């Protein structure tokens, strides 16, 4: 939902960073 036009195979690497941003 944040990046619908980025290749979905990238989400697994992006997810930890998004989770960390949300936590902060």
PDBML (XML) file of the C-alpha atoms, coordinates in Angstrom:
<?xml version="1.0" encoding="UTF-8" ?>
<PDBx:datablock datablockName="MODEL"
   xmlns:PDBx="http://pdbml.pdb.org/schema/pdbx-v50.xsd"
   xmlns:xsi="http://www.w3.org/2001/XMLSchema-instance"
   xsi:schemaLocation="http://pdbml.pdb.org/schema/pdbx-v50.xsd pdbx-v50.xsd">
   <PDBx:atom_siteCategory>
      <PDBx:atom_site id="1">
         <PDBx:B_iso_or_equiv>0.00</PDBx:B_iso_or_equiv>
         <PDBx:Cartn_x>0.000</PDBx:Cartn_x>
         <PDBx:Cartn_y>0.000</PDBx:Cartn_y>
         <PDBx:Cartn_z>0.000</PDBx:Cartn_z>
         <PDBx:auth_asym_id>A</PDBx:auth_asym_id>
         <PDBx:auth_atom_id>CA</PDBx:auth_atom_id>
         <PDBx:auth_comp_id>UNK</PDBx:auth_comp_id>
         <PDBx:auth_seq_id>1</PDBx:auth_seq_id>
         <PDBx:group_PDB>ATOM</PDBx:group_PDB>
         <PDBx:label_alt_id xsi:nil="true" />
         <PDBx:label_asym_id>A</PDBx:label_asym_id>
         <PDBx:label_atom_id>CA</PDBx:label_atom_id>
         <PDBx:label_comp_id>UNK</PDBx:label_comp_id>
         <PDBx:label_entity_id>1</PDBx:label_entity_id>
         <PDBx:label_seq_id>1</PDBx:label_seq_id>
         <PDBx:occupancy>1.00</PDBx:occupancy>
         <PDBx:pdbx_PDB_model_num>1</PDBx:pdbx_PDB_model_num>
         <PDBx:type_symbol>C</PDBx:type_symbol>
      </PDBx:atom_site>
      <PDBx:atom_site id="2">
         <PDBx:B_iso_or_equiv>0.00</PDBx:B_iso_or_equiv>
         <PDBx:Cartn_x>2.898</PDBx:Cartn_x>
         <PDBx:Cartn_y>2.354</PDBx:Cartn_y>
         <PDBx:Cartn_z>0.587</PDBx:Cartn_z>
         <PDBx:auth_asym_id>A</PDBx:auth_asym_id>
         <PDBx:auth_atom_id>CA</PDBx:auth_atom_id>
         <PDBx:auth_comp_id>UNK</PDBx:auth_comp_id>
         <PDBx:auth_seq_id>2</PDBx:auth_seq_id>
         <PDBx:group_PDB>ATOM</PDBx:group_PDB>
         <PDBx:label_alt_id xsi:nil="true" />
         <PDBx:label_asym_id>A</PDBx:label_asym_id>
         <PDBx:label_atom_id>CA</PDBx:label_atom_id>
         <PDBx:label_comp_id>UNK</PDBx:label_comp_id>
         <PDBx:label_entity_id>1</PDBx:label_entity_id>
         <PDBx:label_seq_id>2</PDBx:label_seq_id>
         <PDBx:occupancy>1.00</PDBx:occupancy>
         <PDBx:pdbx_PDB_model_num>1</PDBx:pdbx_PDB_model_num>
         <PDBx:type_symbol>C</PDBx:type_symbol>
      </PDBx:atom_site>
      <PDBx:atom_site id="3">
         <PDBx:B_iso_or_equiv>0.00</PDBx:B_iso_or_equiv>
         <PDBx:Cartn_x>4.686</PDBx:Cartn_x>
         <PDBx:Cartn_y>1.427</PDBx:Cartn_y>
         <PDBx:Cartn_z>-2.662</PDBx:Cartn_z>
         <PDBx:auth_asym_id>A</PDBx:auth_asym_id>
         <PDBx:auth_atom_id>CA</PDBx:auth_atom_id>
         <PDBx:auth_comp_id>UNK</PDBx:auth_comp_id>
         <PDBx:auth_seq_id>3</PDBx:auth_seq_id>
         <PDBx:group_PDB>ATOM</PDBx:group_PDB>
         <PDBx:label_alt_id xsi:nil="true" />
         <PDBx:label_asym_id>A</PDBx:label_asym_id>
         <PDBx:label_atom_id>CA</PDBx:label_atom_id>
         <PDBx:label_comp_id>UNK</PDBx:label_comp_id>
         <PDBx:label_entity_id>1</PDBx:label_entity_id>
         <PDBx:label_seq_id>3</PDBx:label_seq_id>
         <PDBx:occupancy>1.00</PDBx:occupancy>
         <PDBx:pdbx_PDB_model_num>1</PDBx:pdbx_PDB_model_num>
         <PDBx:type_symbol>C</PDBx:type_symbol>
      </PDBx:atom_site>
      <PDBx:atom_site id="4">
         <PDBx:B_iso_or_equiv>0.00</PDBx:B_iso_or_equiv>
         <PDBx:Cartn_x>2.165</PDBx:Cartn_x>
         <PDBx:Cartn_y>-0.196</PDBx:Cartn_y>
         <PDBx:Cartn_z>-5.055</PDBx:Cartn_z>
         <PDBx:auth_asym_id>A</PDBx:auth_asym_id>
         <PDBx:auth_atom_id>CA</PDBx:auth_atom_id>
         <PDBx:auth_comp_id>UNK</PDBx:auth_comp_id>
         <PDBx:auth_seq_id>4</PDBx:auth_seq_id>
         <PDBx:group_PDB>ATOM</PDBx:group_PDB>
         <PDBx:label_alt_id xsi:nil="true" />
         <PDBx:label_asym_id>A</PDBx:label_asym_id>
         <PDBx:label_atom_id>CA</PDBx:label_atom_id>
         <PDBx:label_comp_id>UNK</PDBx:label_comp_id>
         <PDBx:label_entity_id>1</PDBx:label_entity_id>
         <PDBx:label_seq_id>4</PDBx:label_seq_id>
         <PDBx:occupancy>1.00</PDBx:occupancy>
         <PDBx:pdbx_PDB_model_num>1</PDBx:pdbx_PDB_model_num>
         <PDBx:type_symbol>C</PDBx:type_symbol>
      </PDBx:atom_site>
      <PDBx:atom_site id="5">
         <PDBx:B_iso_or_equiv>0.00</PDBx:B_iso_or_equiv>
         <PDBx:Cartn_x>4.332</PDBx:Cartn_x>
         <PDBx:Cartn_y>0.467</PDBx:Cartn_y>
         <PDBx:Cartn_z>-8.113</PDBx:Cartn_z>
         <PDBx:auth_asym_id>A</PDBx:auth_asym_id>
         <PDBx:auth_atom_id>CA</PDBx:auth_atom_id>
         <PDBx:auth_comp_id>UNK</PDBx:auth_comp_id>
         <PDBx:auth_seq_id>5</PDBx:auth_seq_id>
         <PDBx:group_PDB>ATOM</PDBx:group_PDB>
         <PDBx:label_alt_id xsi:nil="true" />
         <PDBx:label_asym_id>A</PDBx:label_asym_id>
         <PDBx:label_atom_id>CA</PDBx:label_atom_id>
         <PDBx:label_comp_id>UNK</PDBx:label_comp_id>
         <PDBx:label_entity_id>1</PDBx:label_entity_id>
         <PDBx:label_seq_id>5</PDBx:label_seq_id>
         <PDBx:occupancy>1.00</PDBx:occupancy>
         <PDBx:pdbx_PDB_model_num>1</PDBx:pdbx_PDB_model_num>
         <PDBx:type_symbol>C</PDBx:type_symbol>
      </PDBx:atom_site>
      <PDBx:atom_site id="6">
         <PDBx:B_iso_or_equiv>0.00</PDBx:B_iso_or_equiv>
         <PDBx:Cartn_x>7.609</PDBx:Cartn_x>
         <PDBx:Cartn_y>-0.907</PDBx:Cartn_y>
         <PDBx:Cartn_z>-6.721</PDBx:Cartn_z>
         <PDBx:auth_asym_id>A</PDBx:auth_asym_id>
         <PDBx:auth_atom_id>CA</PDBx:auth_atom_id>
         <PDBx:auth_comp_id>UNK</PDBx:auth_comp_id>
         <PDBx:auth_seq_id>6</PDBx:auth_seq_id>
         <PDBx:group_PDB>ATOM</PDBx:group_PDB>
         <PDBx:label_alt_id xsi:nil="true" />
         <PDBx:label_asym_id>A</PDBx:label_asym_id>
         <PDBx:label_atom_id>CA</PDBx:label_atom_id>
         <PDBx:label_comp_id>UNK</PDBx:label_comp_id>
         <PDBx:label_entity_id>1</PDBx:label_entity_id>
         <PDBx:label_seq_id>6</PDBx:label_seq_id>
         <PDBx:occupancy>1.00</PDBx:occupancy>
         <PDBx:pdbx_PDB_model_num>1</PDBx:pdbx_PDB_model_num>
         <PDBx:type_symbol>C</PDBx:type_symbol>
      </PDBx:atom_site>
      <PDBx:atom_site id="7">
         <PDBx:B_iso_or_equiv>0.00</PDBx:B_iso_or_equiv>
         <PDBx:Cartn_x>8.378</PDBx:Cartn_x>
         <PDBx:Cartn_y>-4.557</PDBx:Cartn_y>
         <PDBx:Cartn_z>-7.621</PDBx:Cartn_z>
         <PDBx:auth_asym_id>A</PDBx:auth_asym_id>
         <PDBx:auth_atom_id>CA</PDBx:auth_atom_id>
         <PDBx:auth_comp_id>UNK</PDBx:auth_comp_id>
         <PDBx:auth_seq_id>7</PDBx:auth_seq_id>
         <PDBx:group_PDB>ATOM</PDBx:group_PDB>
         <PDBx:label_alt_id xsi:nil="true" />
         <PDBx:label_asym_id>A</PDBx:label_asym_id>
         <PDBx:label_atom_id>CA</PDBx:label_atom_id>
         <PDBx:label_comp_id>UNK</PDBx:label_comp_id>
         <PDBx:label_entity_id>1</PDBx:label_entity_id>
         <PDBx:label_seq_id>7</PDBx:label_seq_id>
         <PDBx:occupancy>1.00</PDBx:occupancy>
         <PDBx:pdbx_PDB_model_num>1</PDBx:pdbx_PDB_model_num>
         <PDBx:type_symbol>C</PDBx:type_symbol>
      </PDBx:atom_site>
      <PDBx:atom_site id="8">
         <PDBx:B_iso_or_equiv>0.00</PDBx:B_iso_or_equiv>
         <PDBx:Cartn_x>6.766</PDBx:Cartn_x>
         <PDBx:Cartn_y>-6.699</PDBx:Cartn_y>
         <PDBx:Cartn_z>-4.947</PDBx:Cartn_z>
         <PDBx:auth_asym_id>A</PDBx:auth_asym_id>
         <PDBx:auth_atom_id>CA</PDBx:auth_atom_id>
         <PDBx:auth_comp_id>UNK</PDBx:auth_comp_id>
         <PDBx:auth_seq_id>8</PDBx:auth_seq_id>
         <PDBx:group_PDB>ATOM</PDBx:group_PDB>
         <PDBx:label_alt_id xsi:nil="true" />
         <PDBx:label_asym_id>A</PDBx:label_asym_id>
         <PDBx:label_atom_id>CA</PDBx:label_atom_id>
         <PDBx:label_comp_id>UNK</PDBx:label_comp_id>
         <PDBx:label_entity_id>1</PDBx:label_entity_id>
         <PDBx:label_seq_id>8</PDBx:label_seq_id>
         <PDBx:occupancy>1.00</PDBx:occupancy>
         <PDBx:pdbx_PDB_model_num>1</PDBx:pdbx_PDB_model_num>
         <PDBx:type_symbol>C</PDBx:type_symbol>
      </PDBx:atom_site>
      <PDBx:atom_site id="9">
         <PDBx:B_iso_or_equiv>0.00</PDBx:B_iso_or_equiv>
         <PDBx:Cartn_x>9.851</PDBx:Cartn_x>
         <PDBx:Cartn_y>-8.909</PDBx:Cartn_y>
         <PDBx:Cartn_z>-4.603</PDBx:Cartn_z>
         <PDBx:auth_asym_id>A</PDBx:auth_asym_id>
         <PDBx:auth_atom_id>CA</PDBx:auth_atom_id>
         <PDBx:auth_comp_id>UNK</PDBx:auth_comp_id>
         <PDBx:auth_seq_id>9</PDBx:auth_seq_id>
         <PDBx:group_PDB>ATOM</PDBx:group_PDB>
         <PDBx:label_alt_id xsi:nil="true" />
         <PDBx:label_asym_id>A</PDBx:label_asym_id>
         <PDBx:label_atom_id>CA</PDBx:label_atom_id>
         <PDBx:label_comp_id>UNK</PDBx:label_comp_id>
         <PDBx:label_entity_id>1</PDBx:label_entity_id>
         <PDBx:label_seq_id>9</PDBx:label_seq_id>
         <PDBx:occupancy>1.00</PDBx:occupancy>
         <PDBx:pdbx_PDB_model_num>1</PDBx:pdbx_PDB_model_num>
         <PDBx:type_symbol>C</PDBx:type_symbol>
      </PDBx:atom_site>
      <PDBx:atom_site id="10">
         <PDBx:B_iso_or_equiv>0.00</PDBx:B_iso_or_equiv>
         <PDBx:Cartn_x>11.470</PDBx:Cartn_x>
         <PDBx:Cartn_y>-5.904</PDBx:Cartn_y>
         <PDBx:Cartn_z>-2.885</PDBx:Cartn_z>
         <PDBx:auth_asym_id>A</PDBx:auth_asym_id>
         <PDBx:auth_atom_id>CA</PDBx:auth_atom_id>
         <PDBx:auth_comp_id>UNK</PDBx:auth_comp_id>
         <PDBx:auth_seq_id>10</PDBx:auth_seq_id>
         <PDBx:group_PDB>ATOM</PDBx:group_PDB>
         <PDBx:label_alt_id xsi:nil="true" />
         <PDBx:label_asym_id>A</PDBx:label_asym_id>
         <PDBx:label_atom_id>CA</PDBx:label_atom_id>
         <PDBx:label_comp_id>UNK</PDBx:label_comp_id>
         <PDBx:label_entity_id>1</PDBx:label_entity_id>
         <PDBx:label_seq_id>10</PDBx:label_seq_id>
         <PDBx:occupancy>1.00</PDBx:occupancy>
         <PDBx:pdbx_PDB_model_num>1</PDBx:pdbx_PDB_model_num>
         <PDBx:type_symbol>C</PDBx:type_symbol>
      </PDBx:atom_site>
      <PDBx:atom_site id="11">
         <PDBx:B_iso_or_equiv>0.00</PDBx:B_iso_or_equiv>
         <PDBx:Cartn_x>8.934</PDBx:Cartn_x>
         <PDBx:Cartn_y>-5.806</PDBx:Cartn_y>
         <PDBx:Cartn_z>-0.044</PDBx:Cartn_z>
         <PDBx:auth_asym_id>A</PDBx:auth_asym_id>
         <PDBx:auth_atom_id>CA</PDBx:auth_atom_id>
         <PDBx:auth_comp_id>UNK</PDBx:auth_comp_id>
         <PDBx:auth_seq_id>11</PDBx:auth_seq_id>
         <PDBx:group_PDB>ATOM</PDBx:group_PDB>
         <PDBx:label_alt_id xsi:nil="true" />
         <PDBx:label_asym_id>A</PDBx:label_asym_id>
         <PDBx:label_atom_id>CA</PDBx:label_atom_id>
         <PDBx:label_comp_id>UNK</PDBx:label_comp_id>
         <PDBx:label_entity_id>1</PDBx:label_entity_id>
         <PDBx:label_seq_id>11</PDBx:label_seq_id>
         <PDBx:occupancy>1.00</PDBx:occupancy>
         <PDBx:pdbx_PDB_model_num>1</PDBx:pdbx_PDB_model_num>
         <PDBx:type_symbol>C</PDBx:type_symbol>
      </PDBx:atom_site>
      <PDBx:atom_site id="12">
         <PDBx:B_iso_or_equiv>0.00</PDBx:B_iso_or_equiv>
         <PDBx:Cartn_x>10.692</PDBx:Cartn_x>
         <PDBx:Cartn_y>-8.468</PDBx:Cartn_y>
         <PDBx:Cartn_z>2.030</PDBx:Cartn_z>
         <PDBx:auth_asym_id>A</PDBx:auth_asym_id>
         <PDBx:auth_atom_id>CA</PDBx:auth_atom_id>
         <PDBx:auth_comp_id>UNK</PDBx:auth_comp_id>
         <PDBx:auth_seq_id>12</PDBx:auth_seq_id>
         <PDBx:group_PDB>ATOM</PDBx:group_PDB>
         <PDBx:label_alt_id xsi:nil="true" />
         <PDBx:label_asym_id>A</PDBx:label_asym_id>
         <PDBx:label_atom_id>CA</PDBx:label_atom_id>
         <PDBx:label_comp_id>UNK</PDBx:label_comp_id>
         <PDBx:label_entity_id>1</PDBx:label_entity_id>
         <PDBx:label_seq_id>12</PDBx:label_seq_id>
         <PDBx:occupancy>1.00</PDBx:occupancy>
         <PDBx:pdbx_PDB_model_num>1</PDBx:pdbx_PDB_model_num>
         <PDBx:type_symbol>C</PDBx:type_symbol>
      </PDBx:atom_site>
      <PDBx:atom_site id="13">
         <PDBx:B_iso_or_equiv>0.00</PDBx:B_iso_or_equiv>
         <PDBx:Cartn_x>13.761</PDBx:Cartn_x>
         <PDBx:Cartn_y>-6.214</PDBx:Cartn_y>
         <PDBx:Cartn_z>2.282</PDBx:Cartn_z>
         <PDBx:auth_asym_id>A</PDBx:auth_asym_id>
         <PDBx:auth_atom_id>CA</PDBx:auth_atom_id>
         <PDBx:auth_comp_id>UNK</PDBx:auth_comp_id>
         <PDBx:auth_seq_id>13</PDBx:auth_seq_id>
         <PDBx:group_PDB>ATOM</PDBx:group_PDB>
         <PDBx:label_alt_id xsi:nil="true" />
         <PDBx:label_asym_id>A</PDBx:label_asym_id>
         <PDBx:label_atom_id>CA</PDBx:label_atom_id>
         <PDBx:label_comp_id>UNK</PDBx:label_comp_id>
         <PDBx:label_entity_id>1</PDBx:label_entity_id>
         <PDBx:label_seq_id>13</PDBx:label_seq_id>
         <PDBx:occupancy>1.00</PDBx:occupancy>
         <PDBx:pdbx_PDB_model_num>1</PDBx:pdbx_PDB_model_num>
         <PDBx:type_symbol>C</PDBx:type_symbol>
      </PDBx:atom_site>
      <PDBx:atom_site id="14">
         <PDBx:B_iso_or_equiv>0.00</PDBx:B_iso_or_equiv>
         <PDBx:Cartn_x>11.765</PDBx:Cartn_x>
         <PDBx:Cartn_y>-3.010</PDBx:Cartn_y>
         <PDBx:Cartn_z>2.768</PDBx:Cartn_z>
         <PDBx:auth_asym_id>A</PDBx:auth_asym_id>
         <PDBx:auth_atom_id>CA</PDBx:auth_atom_id>
         <PDBx:auth_comp_id>UNK</PDBx:auth_comp_id>
         <PDBx:auth_seq_id>14</PDBx:auth_seq_id>
         <PDBx:group_PDB>ATOM</PDBx:group_PDB>
         <PDBx:label_alt_id xsi:nil="true" />
         <PDBx:label_asym_id>A</PDBx:label_asym_id>
         <PDBx:label_atom_id>CA</PDBx:label_atom_id>
         <PDBx:label_comp_id>UNK</PDBx:label_comp_id>
         <PDBx:label_entity_id>1</PDBx:label_entity_id>
         <PDBx:label_seq_id>14</PDBx:label_seq_id>
         <PDBx:occupancy>1.00</PDBx:occupancy>
         <PDBx:pdbx_PDB_model_num>1</PDBx:pdbx_PDB_model_num>
         <PDBx:type_symbol>C</PDBx:type_symbol>
      </PDBx:atom_site>
      <PDBx:atom_site id="15">
         <PDBx:B_iso_or_equiv>0.00</PDBx:B_iso_or_equiv>
         <PDBx:Cartn_x>9.519</PDBx:Cartn_x>
         <PDBx:Cartn_y>-4.384</PDBx:Cartn_y>
         <PDBx:Cartn_z>5.531</PDBx:Cartn_z>
         <PDBx:auth_asym_id>A</PDBx:auth_asym_id>
         <PDBx:auth_atom_id>CA</PDBx:auth_atom_id>
         <PDBx:auth_comp_id>UNK</PDBx:auth_comp_id>
         <PDBx:auth_seq_id>15</PDBx:auth_seq_id>
         <PDBx:group_PDB>ATOM</PDBx:group_PDB>
         <PDBx:label_alt_id xsi:nil="true" />
         <PDBx:label_asym_id>A</PDBx:label_asym_id>
         <PDBx:label_atom_id>CA</PDBx:label_atom_id>
         <PDBx:label_comp_id>UNK</PDBx:label_comp_id>
         <PDBx:label_entity_id>1</PDBx:label_entity_id>
         <PDBx:label_seq_id>15</PDBx:label_seq_id>
         <PDBx:occupancy>1.00</PDBx:occupancy>
         <PDBx:pdbx_PDB_model_num>1</PDBx:pdbx_PDB_model_num>
         <PDBx:type_symbol>C</PDBx:type_symbol>
      </PDBx:atom_site>
      <PDBx:atom_site id="16">
         <PDBx:B_iso_or_equiv>0.00</PDBx:B_iso_or_equiv>
         <PDBx:Cartn_x>12.019</PDBx:Cartn_x>
         <PDBx:Cartn_y>-4.263</PDBx:Cartn_y>
         <PDBx:Cartn_z>8.450</PDBx:Cartn_z>
         <PDBx:auth_asym_id>A</PDBx:auth_asym_id>
         <PDBx:auth_atom_id>CA</PDBx:auth_atom_id>
         <PDBx:auth_comp_id>UNK</PDBx:auth_comp_id>
         <PDBx:auth_seq_id>16</PDBx:auth_seq_id>
         <PDBx:group_PDB>ATOM</PDBx:group_PDB>
         <PDBx:label_alt_id xsi:nil="true" />
         <PDBx:label_asym_id>A</PDBx:label_asym_id>
         <PDBx:label_atom_id>CA</PDBx:label_atom_id>
         <PDBx:label_comp_id>UNK</PDBx:label_comp_id>
         <PDBx:label_entity_id>1</PDBx:label_entity_id>
         <PDBx:label_seq_id>16</PDBx:label_seq_id>
         <PDBx:occupancy>1.00</PDBx:occupancy>
         <PDBx:pdbx_PDB_model_num>1</PDBx:pdbx_PDB_model_num>
         <PDBx:type_symbol>C</PDBx:type_symbol>
      </PDBx:atom_site>
      <PDBx:atom_site id="17">
         <PDBx:B_iso_or_equiv>0.00</PDBx:B_iso_or_equiv>
         <PDBx:Cartn_x>12.779</PDBx:Cartn_x>
         <PDBx:Cartn_y>-0.618</PDBx:Cartn_y>
         <PDBx:Cartn_z>7.698</PDBx:Cartn_z>
         <PDBx:auth_asym_id>A</PDBx:auth_asym_id>
         <PDBx:auth_atom_id>CA</PDBx:auth_atom_id>
         <PDBx:auth_comp_id>UNK</PDBx:auth_comp_id>
         <PDBx:auth_seq_id>17</PDBx:auth_seq_id>
         <PDBx:group_PDB>ATOM</PDBx:group_PDB>
         <PDBx:label_alt_id xsi:nil="true" />
         <PDBx:label_asym_id>A</PDBx:label_asym_id>
         <PDBx:label_atom_id>CA</PDBx:label_atom_id>
         <PDBx:label_comp_id>UNK</PDBx:label_comp_id>
         <PDBx:label_entity_id>1</PDBx:label_entity_id>
         <PDBx:label_seq_id>17</PDBx:label_seq_id>
         <PDBx:occupancy>1.00</PDBx:occupancy>
         <PDBx:pdbx_PDB_model_num>1</PDBx:pdbx_PDB_model_num>
         <PDBx:type_symbol>C</PDBx:type_symbol>
      </PDBx:atom_site>
      <PDBx:atom_site id="18">
         <PDBx:B_iso_or_equiv>0.00</PDBx:B_iso_or_equiv>
         <PDBx:Cartn_x>9.088</PDBx:Cartn_x>
         <PDBx:Cartn_y>0.303</PDBx:Cartn_y>
         <PDBx:Cartn_z>7.518</PDBx:Cartn_z>
         <PDBx:auth_asym_id>A</PDBx:auth_asym_id>
         <PDBx:auth_atom_id>CA</PDBx:auth_atom_id>
         <PDBx:auth_comp_id>UNK</PDBx:auth_comp_id>
         <PDBx:auth_seq_id>18</PDBx:auth_seq_id>
         <PDBx:group_PDB>ATOM</PDBx:group_PDB>
         <PDBx:label_alt_id xsi:nil="true" />
         <PDBx:label_asym_id>A</PDBx:label_asym_id>
         <PDBx:label_atom_id>CA</PDBx:label_atom_id>
         <PDBx:label_comp_id>UNK</PDBx:label_comp_id>
         <PDBx:label_entity_id>1</PDBx:label_entity_id>
         <PDBx:label_seq_id>18</PDBx:label_seq_id>
         <PDBx:occupancy>1.00</PDBx:occupancy>
         <PDBx:pdbx_PDB_model_num>1</PDBx:pdbx_PDB_model_num>
         <PDBx:type_symbol>C</PDBx:type_symbol>
      </PDBx:atom_site>
      <PDBx:atom_site id="19">
         <PDBx:B_iso_or_equiv>0.00</PDBx:B_iso_or_equiv>
         <PDBx:Cartn_x>8.472</PDBx:Cartn_x>
         <PDBx:Cartn_y>-1.533</PDBx:Cartn_y>
         <PDBx:Cartn_z>10.782</PDBx:Cartn_z>
         <PDBx:auth_asym_id>A</PDBx:auth_asym_id>
         <PDBx:auth_atom_id>CA</PDBx:auth_atom_id>
         <PDBx:auth_comp_id>UNK</PDBx:auth_comp_id>
         <PDBx:auth_seq_id>19</PDBx:auth_seq_id>
         <PDBx:group_PDB>ATOM</PDBx:group_PDB>
         <PDBx:label_alt_id xsi:nil="true" />
         <PDBx:label_asym_id>A</PDBx:label_asym_id>
         <PDBx:label_atom_id>CA</PDBx:label_atom_id>
         <PDBx:label_comp_id>UNK</PDBx:label_comp_id>
         <PDBx:label_entity_id>1</PDBx:label_entity_id>
         <PDBx:label_seq_id>19</PDBx:label_seq_id>
         <PDBx:occupancy>1.00</PDBx:occupancy>
         <PDBx:pdbx_PDB_model_num>1</PDBx:pdbx_PDB_model_num>
         <PDBx:type_symbol>C</PDBx:type_symbol>
      </PDBx:atom_site>
      <PDBx:atom_site id="20">
         <PDBx:B_iso_or_equiv>0.00</PDBx:B_iso_or_equiv>
         <PDBx:Cartn_x>11.315</PDBx:Cartn_x>
         <PDBx:Cartn_y>0.357</PDBx:Cartn_y>
         <PDBx:Cartn_z>12.439</PDBx:Cartn_z>
         <PDBx:auth_asym_id>A</PDBx:auth_asym_id>
         <PDBx:auth_atom_id>CA</PDBx:auth_atom_id>
         <PDBx:auth_comp_id>UNK</PDBx:auth_comp_id>
         <PDBx:auth_seq_id>20</PDBx:auth_seq_id>
         <PDBx:group_PDB>ATOM</PDBx:group_PDB>
         <PDBx:label_alt_id xsi:nil="true" />
         <PDBx:label_asym_id>A</PDBx:label_asym_id>
         <PDBx:label_atom_id>CA</PDBx:label_atom_id>
         <PDBx:label_comp_id>UNK</PDBx:label_comp_id>
         <PDBx:label_entity_id>1</PDBx:label_entity_id>
         <PDBx:label_seq_id>20</PDBx:label_seq_id>
         <PDBx:occupancy>1.00</PDBx:occupancy>
         <PDBx:pdbx_PDB_model_num>1</PDBx:pdbx_PDB_model_num>
         <PDBx:type_symbol>C</PDBx:type_symbol>
      </PDBx:atom_site>
      <PDBx:atom_site id="21">
         <PDBx:B_iso_or_equiv>0.00</PDBx:B_iso_or_equiv>
         <PDBx:Cartn_x>10.008</PDBx:Cartn_x>
         <PDBx:Cartn_y>3.712</PDBx:Cartn_y>
         <PDBx:Cartn_z>11.165</PDBx:Cartn_z>
         <PDBx:auth_asym_id>A</PDBx:auth_asym_id>
         <PDBx:auth_atom_id>CA</PDBx:auth_atom_id>
         <PDBx:auth_comp_id>UNK</PDBx:auth_comp_id>
         <PDBx:auth_seq_id>21</PDBx:auth_seq_id>
         <PDBx:group_PDB>ATOM</PDBx:group_PDB>
         <PDBx:label_alt_id xsi:nil="true" />
         <PDBx:label_asym_id>A</PDBx:label_asym_id>
         <PDBx:label_atom_id>CA</PDBx:label_atom_id>
         <PDBx:label_comp_id>UNK</PDBx:label_comp_id>
         <PDBx:label_entity_id>1</PDBx:label_entity_id>
         <PDBx:label_seq_id>21</PDBx:label_seq_id>
         <PDBx:occupancy>1.00</PDBx:occupancy>
         <PDBx:pdbx_PDB_model_num>1</PDBx:pdbx_PDB_model_num>
         <PDBx:type_symbol>C</PDBx:type_symbol>
      </PDBx:atom_site>
      <PDBx:atom_site id="22">
         <PDBx:B_iso_or_equiv>0.00</PDBx:B_iso_or_equiv>
         <PDBx:Cartn_x>6.520</PDBx:Cartn_x>
         <PDBx:Cartn_y>2.906</PDBx:Cartn_y>
         <PDBx:Cartn_z>12.446</PDBx:Cartn_z>
         <PDBx:auth_asym_id>A</PDBx:auth_asym_id>
         <PDBx:auth_atom_id>CA</PDBx:auth_atom_id>
         <PDBx:auth_comp_id>UNK</PDBx:auth_comp_id>
         <PDBx:auth_seq_id>22</PDBx:auth_seq_id>
         <PDBx:group_PDB>ATOM</PDBx:group_PDB>
         <PDBx:label_alt_id xsi:nil="true" />
         <PDBx:label_asym_id>A</PDBx:label_asym_id>
         <PDBx:label_atom_id>CA</PDBx:label_atom_id>
         <PDBx:label_comp_id>UNK</PDBx:label_comp_id>
         <PDBx:label_entity_id>1</PDBx:label_entity_id>
         <PDBx:label_seq_id>22</PDBx:label_seq_id>
         <PDBx:occupancy>1.00</PDBx:occupancy>
         <PDBx:pdbx_PDB_model_num>1</PDBx:pdbx_PDB_model_num>
         <PDBx:type_symbol>C</PDBx:type_symbol>
      </PDBx:atom_site>
      <PDBx:atom_site id="23">
         <PDBx:B_iso_or_equiv>0.00</PDBx:B_iso_or_equiv>
         <PDBx:Cartn_x>7.930</PDBx:Cartn_x>
         <PDBx:Cartn_y>1.969</PDBx:Cartn_y>
         <PDBx:Cartn_z>15.844</PDBx:Cartn_z>
         <PDBx:auth_asym_id>A</PDBx:auth_asym_id>
         <PDBx:auth_atom_id>CA</PDBx:auth_atom_id>
         <PDBx:auth_comp_id>UNK</PDBx:auth_comp_id>
         <PDBx:auth_seq_id>23</PDBx:auth_seq_id>
         <PDBx:group_PDB>ATOM</PDBx:group_PDB>
         <PDBx:label_alt_id xsi:nil="true" />
         <PDBx:label_asym_id>A</PDBx:label_asym_id>
         <PDBx:label_atom_id>CA</PDBx:label_atom_id>
         <PDBx:label_comp_id>UNK</PDBx:label_comp_id>
         <PDBx:label_entity_id>1</PDBx:label_entity_id>
         <PDBx:label_seq_id>23</PDBx:label_seq_id>
         <PDBx:occupancy>1.00</PDBx:occupancy>
         <PDBx:pdbx_PDB_model_num>1</PDBx:pdbx_PDB_model_num>
         <PDBx:type_symbol>C</PDBx:type_symbol>
      </PDBx:atom_site>
      <PDBx:atom_site id="24">
         <PDBx:B_iso_or_equiv>0.00</PDBx:B_iso_or_equiv>
         <PDBx:Cartn_x>9.814</PDBx:Cartn_x>
         <PDBx:Cartn_y>5.242</PDBx:Cartn_y>
         <PDBx:Cartn_z>16.183</PDBx:Cartn_z>
         <PDBx:auth_asym_id>A</PDBx:auth_asym_id>
         <PDBx:auth_atom_id>CA</PDBx:auth_atom_id>
         <PDBx:auth_comp_id>UNK</PDBx:auth_comp_id>
         <PDBx:auth_seq_id>24</PDBx:auth_seq_id>
         <PDBx:group_PDB>ATOM</PDBx:group_PDB>
         <PDBx:label_alt_id xsi:nil="true" />
         <PDBx:label_asym_id>A</PDBx:label_asym_id>
         <PDBx:label_atom_id>CA</PDBx:label_atom_id>
         <PDBx:label_comp_id>UNK</PDBx:label_comp_id>
         <PDBx:label_entity_id>1</PDBx:label_entity_id>
         <PDBx:label_seq_id>24</PDBx:label_seq_id>
         <PDBx:occupancy>1.00</PDBx:occupancy>
         <PDBx:pdbx_PDB_model_num>1</PDBx:pdbx_PDB_model_num>
         <PDBx:type_symbol>C</PDBx:type_symbol>
      </PDBx:atom_site>
   </PDBx:atom_siteCategory>
</PDBx:datablock>
